[in-house]
N, C-alpha and C. Protein backbone atom coordinates (compact mmCIF):
# COMPACT_ATOMS: atom_id res chain seq x y z
N MET A 1 -12.34 -2.75 10.94
CA MET A 1 -11.18 -3.47 11.49
C MET A 1 -10.16 -2.89 12.59
N GLU A 2 -9.64 -3.99 13.36
CA GLU A 2 -8.73 -3.24 14.15
C GLU A 2 -7.01 -2.90 13.46
N PRO A 3 -6.43 -1.39 13.65
CA PRO A 3 -5.23 -1.82 12.82
C PRO A 3 -4.32 -2.81 13.38
N LYS A 4 -4.03 -2.55 12.10
CA LYS A 4 -2.60 -3.98 12.57
C LYS A 4 -0.96 -3.23 11.85
N ARG A 5 0.34 -3.77 12.93
CA ARG A 5 1.80 -3.05 12.30
C ARG A 5 1.53 -3.35 10.80
N CYS A 6 2.46 -3.35 10.39
CA CYS A 6 2.21 -4.16 8.93
C CYS A 6 3.85 -3.63 8.17
N ILE A 7 5.05 -4.42 8.18
CA ILE A 7 6.07 -4.26 6.91
C ILE A 7 5.31 -3.87 5.60
N VAL A 8 5.58 -2.95 5.07
CA VAL A 8 5.24 -3.62 3.55
C VAL A 8 6.81 -3.17 2.21
N SER A 9 6.69 -3.93 1.57
CA SER A 9 7.92 -3.33 0.36
C SER A 9 8.03 -3.59 -0.68
N VAL A 10 8.43 -2.78 -1.36
CA VAL A 10 8.52 -2.56 -3.02
C VAL A 10 9.84 -2.69 -3.48
N ALA A 11 10.00 -2.61 -5.03
CA ALA A 11 11.34 -2.33 -5.37
C ALA A 11 11.20 -1.34 -6.13
N ASP A 12 12.28 -0.42 -6.42
CA ASP A 12 11.82 0.92 -7.38
C ASP A 12 12.75 0.36 -8.70
N ILE A 13 12.87 1.44 -9.44
CA ILE A 13 12.85 0.61 -10.95
C ILE A 13 14.48 0.56 -11.48
N GLN A 14 15.14 0.26 -9.98
CA GLN A 14 16.53 -0.33 -10.07
C GLN A 14 16.81 -1.78 -9.64
N GLY A 15 15.54 -1.95 -8.70
CA GLY A 15 15.90 -3.20 -8.14
C GLY A 15 15.47 -3.15 -6.43
N ILE A 16 15.83 -2.24 -6.35
CA ILE A 16 16.25 -1.67 -4.98
C ILE A 16 14.92 -2.06 -3.79
N GLU A 17 14.89 -2.56 -3.15
CA GLU A 17 13.48 -2.62 -2.41
C GLU A 17 13.38 -2.16 -1.41
N HIS A 18 12.20 -1.33 -0.70
CA HIS A 18 12.34 -0.30 0.33
C HIS A 18 11.42 -1.18 1.08
N SER A 19 11.61 -0.52 2.62
CA SER A 19 10.27 -1.03 3.41
C SER A 19 9.65 0.33 4.05
N ALA A 20 8.72 0.02 4.58
CA ALA A 20 8.23 0.94 5.24
C ALA A 20 7.27 0.33 6.41
N ASP A 21 7.22 1.03 7.49
CA ASP A 21 6.29 0.29 9.18
C ASP A 21 5.49 1.22 9.10
N VAL A 22 3.86 0.53 8.48
CA VAL A 22 2.99 0.76 9.21
C VAL A 22 1.81 0.56 10.11
N THR A 23 0.84 1.26 10.23
CA THR A 23 0.18 1.05 11.27
C THR A 23 -1.32 1.42 10.05
N ALA A 24 -2.08 0.01 10.05
CA ALA A 24 -3.41 0.12 9.18
C ALA A 24 -4.24 -0.94 9.55
N ALA A 25 -5.72 0.17 9.10
CA ALA A 25 -6.87 -0.93 9.08
C ALA A 25 -7.01 -2.37 8.26
N THR A 26 -6.69 -1.41 7.10
CA THR A 26 -6.58 -2.53 6.09
C THR A 26 -5.30 -2.53 5.01
N LEU A 27 -5.45 -3.99 4.25
CA LEU A 27 -4.24 -4.25 3.33
C LEU A 27 -4.28 -2.71 2.42
N TYR A 28 -5.15 -2.45 1.50
CA TYR A 28 -5.32 -1.14 0.64
C TYR A 28 -4.66 0.04 1.98
N GLU A 29 -4.83 0.62 2.80
CA GLU A 29 -4.27 1.51 3.64
C GLU A 29 -3.42 1.24 4.29
N ALA A 30 -2.91 0.34 4.55
CA ALA A 30 -1.07 -0.29 4.45
C ALA A 30 -0.55 -0.10 3.21
N VAL A 31 -0.81 -0.52 1.97
CA VAL A 31 -0.03 -0.09 0.91
C VAL A 31 -0.32 1.11 0.37
N ALA A 32 -1.28 2.25 0.48
CA ALA A 32 -1.11 3.45 0.47
C ALA A 32 0.09 4.26 1.40
N LEU A 33 -0.16 4.51 2.59
CA LEU A 33 0.52 4.87 3.56
C LEU A 33 1.76 4.52 3.20
N ALA A 34 2.50 2.81 3.10
CA ALA A 34 4.01 3.16 2.99
C ALA A 34 4.11 3.67 1.50
N LEU A 35 3.30 3.30 0.50
CA LEU A 35 4.17 4.35 -0.79
C LEU A 35 4.28 5.41 -0.80
N ARG A 36 3.34 6.34 0.04
CA ARG A 36 3.25 7.61 0.49
C ARG A 36 4.64 7.89 1.23
N ALA A 37 4.67 7.22 2.38
CA ALA A 37 5.97 6.95 2.83
C ALA A 37 7.43 6.70 1.87
N ILE A 38 7.53 5.85 1.21
CA ILE A 38 8.39 5.42 0.24
C ILE A 38 9.09 5.96 -0.70
N LYS A 39 7.95 7.00 -1.28
CA LYS A 39 8.06 7.73 -2.23
C LYS A 39 8.59 8.76 -1.78
N SER A 40 8.09 9.55 -0.72
CA SER A 40 8.13 10.73 -0.02
C SER A 40 10.24 10.40 0.61
N ASN A 41 10.93 9.59 0.93
CA ASN A 41 12.31 8.83 1.05
C ASN A 41 12.99 9.37 -0.10
N GLU A 42 14.09 10.32 0.38
CA GLU A 42 15.38 10.78 -0.69
C GLU A 42 16.32 9.58 -1.05
N TRP A 43 15.84 8.45 -0.41
CA TRP A 43 16.59 7.36 -0.72
C TRP A 43 16.26 6.15 -1.86
N ALA A 44 14.82 6.28 -1.79
CA ALA A 44 14.08 5.74 -2.41
C ALA A 44 14.38 5.72 -4.34
N GLY A 45 14.19 5.16 -4.82
CA GLY A 45 14.25 5.73 -6.42
C GLY A 45 12.74 5.36 -6.85
N GLU A 46 12.42 5.77 -8.17
CA GLU A 46 11.17 5.79 -8.90
C GLU A 46 10.50 4.34 -9.11
N ILE A 47 9.02 4.64 -8.03
CA ILE A 47 8.20 2.84 -7.73
C ILE A 47 7.78 2.89 -9.16
N PRO A 48 7.75 1.95 -9.88
CA PRO A 48 7.28 1.44 -11.22
C PRO A 48 5.86 1.50 -10.69
N GLU A 49 4.85 1.70 -11.48
CA GLU A 49 3.24 1.40 -11.60
C GLU A 49 3.31 0.02 -12.21
N GLY A 50 2.40 -0.84 -12.42
CA GLY A 50 1.64 -2.01 -13.08
C GLY A 50 2.35 -3.02 -12.76
N LEU A 51 2.77 -4.28 -12.68
CA LEU A 51 2.99 -5.13 -12.50
C LEU A 51 3.86 -5.25 -11.66
N ASN A 52 5.02 -4.55 -11.40
CA ASN A 52 5.76 -4.33 -9.60
C ASN A 52 4.82 -4.88 -8.76
N GLU A 53 5.65 -5.66 -7.79
CA GLU A 53 5.00 -6.13 -6.69
C GLU A 53 5.02 -5.29 -5.69
N ILE A 54 4.05 -5.66 -4.26
CA ILE A 54 4.27 -4.79 -3.30
C ILE A 54 4.33 -5.89 -2.41
N ARG A 55 4.87 -6.14 -1.12
CA ARG A 55 4.32 -7.30 -0.31
C ARG A 55 3.85 -6.56 1.08
N VAL A 56 2.86 -7.23 1.93
CA VAL A 56 2.46 -6.51 2.97
C VAL A 56 2.52 -7.82 4.13
N SER A 57 3.59 -7.52 5.38
CA SER A 57 3.48 -8.02 6.05
C SER A 57 3.36 -8.29 7.37
N VAL A 58 1.71 -8.85 7.95
CA VAL A 58 1.23 -8.03 9.11
C VAL A 58 2.39 -8.38 10.54
N THR A 59 2.77 -7.85 11.02
CA THR A 59 3.58 -8.54 12.30
C THR A 59 2.74 -9.28 13.38
N GLY A 60 3.06 -9.70 14.45
CA GLY A 60 2.78 -10.38 15.45
C GLY A 60 2.14 -11.62 14.64
N ILE A 61 1.17 -12.08 14.36
CA ILE A 61 1.38 -13.74 14.30
C ILE A 61 1.76 -13.28 12.13
N ARG A 62 3.07 -13.57 11.78
CA ARG A 62 2.80 -13.34 10.48
C ARG A 62 2.30 -13.71 9.73
N VAL A 63 1.37 -13.00 8.82
CA VAL A 63 0.48 -12.93 7.64
C VAL A 63 1.16 -12.24 6.51
N GLU A 64 1.58 -12.78 5.61
CA GLU A 64 2.11 -11.67 4.44
C GLU A 64 0.95 -11.60 2.87
N HIS A 65 1.11 -10.46 2.18
CA HIS A 65 -0.04 -10.24 1.57
C HIS A 65 0.79 -9.83 -0.32
N LYS A 66 0.60 -10.50 -0.82
CA LYS A 66 1.25 -9.80 -2.23
C LYS A 66 0.44 -9.56 -3.11
N LEU A 67 0.50 -8.17 -4.03
CA LEU A 67 -0.46 -7.90 -4.89
C LEU A 67 0.95 -6.61 -5.81
N GLN A 68 -0.18 -6.83 -6.90
CA GLN A 68 1.06 -6.17 -8.04
C GLN A 68 0.35 -4.35 -7.65
N ILE A 69 0.82 -3.19 -8.22
CA ILE A 69 1.40 -2.08 -7.71
C ILE A 69 -0.72 -1.61 -8.60
N LYS A 70 -0.37 -1.97 -10.04
CA LYS A 70 -0.99 -2.68 -11.11
C LYS A 70 -2.76 -2.93 -10.19
N GLN A 71 -3.16 -3.79 -9.90
CA GLN A 71 -3.74 -4.45 -8.68
C GLN A 71 -4.76 -3.60 -7.63
N PHE A 72 -3.68 -2.49 -7.20
CA PHE A 72 -4.50 -2.16 -5.88
C PHE A 72 -4.34 -0.34 -6.38
N ASN A 73 -3.97 -0.19 -7.62
CA ASN A 73 -4.66 0.90 -8.57
C ASN A 73 -5.82 0.66 -8.88
N GLU A 74 -6.38 -0.41 -9.63
CA GLU A 74 -7.76 -0.63 -10.20
C GLU A 74 -8.63 -0.74 -9.14
N TRP A 75 -7.91 -1.36 -8.04
CA TRP A 75 -8.82 -1.45 -6.67
C TRP A 75 -8.96 0.31 -6.56
N LEU A 76 -8.32 0.95 -6.27
CA LEU A 76 -8.61 2.57 -6.43
C LEU A 76 -9.91 3.24 -7.13
N ASP A 77 -9.57 2.39 -8.41
CA ASP A 77 -10.06 3.61 -9.45
C ASP A 77 -11.63 2.79 -9.54
N ARG A 78 -12.50 2.29 -9.30
CA ARG A 78 -13.27 1.16 -9.27
C ARG A 78 -14.19 1.86 -8.15
N PRO A 79 -15.30 2.09 -8.45
CA PRO A 79 -16.14 2.85 -8.05
C PRO A 79 -16.81 1.96 -6.49
N GLY A 80 -17.05 2.39 -5.14
CA GLY A 80 -17.61 1.80 -4.21
C GLY A 80 -18.73 1.10 -4.64
N ARG A 81 -19.00 0.19 -3.87
CA ARG A 81 -20.61 -1.12 -4.37
C ARG A 81 -21.71 -0.71 -2.78
N SER A 82 -20.52 -0.08 -2.11
CA SER A 82 -21.66 0.51 -0.91
C SER A 82 -21.14 1.91 -0.02
N PRO A 83 -21.69 2.43 0.15
CA PRO A 83 -20.97 3.81 1.30
C PRO A 83 -20.35 3.45 1.69
N ALA A 84 -19.96 2.35 2.35
CA ALA A 84 -19.04 2.13 3.57
C ALA A 84 -17.95 1.85 2.51
N ASP A 85 -17.82 1.11 1.61
CA ASP A 85 -16.80 0.40 0.48
C ASP A 85 -16.46 1.71 -0.30
N MET A 86 -17.34 2.85 -0.76
CA MET A 86 -16.79 4.16 -0.84
C MET A 86 -16.10 5.25 -0.15
N MET A 87 -16.34 5.37 1.25
CA MET A 87 -15.38 5.89 1.92
C MET A 87 -14.15 5.71 2.56
N HIS A 88 -14.20 3.71 1.91
CA HIS A 88 -12.56 3.39 2.37
C HIS A 88 -11.66 3.71 1.28
N ARG A 89 -12.55 3.74 0.29
CA ARG A 89 -11.95 3.11 -1.11
C ARG A 89 -10.72 5.31 -0.90
N LYS A 90 -12.08 5.87 -0.59
CA LYS A 90 -12.17 7.75 -0.65
C LYS A 90 -10.84 7.87 0.70
N ARG A 91 -10.89 7.26 1.50
CA ARG A 91 -10.00 7.52 2.79
C ARG A 91 -8.23 6.99 2.07
N VAL A 92 -8.13 5.45 1.67
CA VAL A 92 -6.89 5.40 1.14
C VAL A 92 -6.84 5.82 0.42
N ARG A 93 -7.48 6.86 -1.25
CA ARG A 93 -6.89 7.70 -1.92
C ARG A 93 -6.35 9.03 -0.96
N GLU A 94 -7.23 9.48 -0.17
CA GLU A 94 -6.28 10.31 0.74
C GLU A 94 -5.07 10.15 1.35
N LEU A 95 -4.89 9.00 1.88
CA LEU A 95 -3.51 8.32 2.81
C LEU A 95 -2.21 8.13 1.57
N LEU A 96 -3.11 8.06 0.34
CA LEU A 96 -2.14 7.56 -0.55
C LEU A 96 -1.56 9.13 -0.86
N ASN A 97 -2.39 10.04 -0.82
CA ASN A 97 -1.55 11.80 -1.88
C ASN A 97 -1.21 12.89 -0.56
N GLY A 98 -1.64 11.62 0.47
CA GLY A 98 -0.70 12.71 2.00
C GLY A 98 -2.16 14.18 2.19
């Protein structure tokens, strides 16, 4: 897929929303890149896991996606169904962990 510019937003445990501007080829890559950027920023508080929602807005023709961090983590933990899917999940894990 062609990389797209995205604004990814998530709230910390104090309810303060943080956003990161990333370029990614997939929804999950955008989430991983943004979580890594937000978590490494000194202004962001702890990002809760589980049902906390994360919002991904694709710029250009505006398209927005919402999912729970729990759903993202479950997707990461599942084995891939094909070699391409396994490589994609591996790439997303690497993006998340820097």
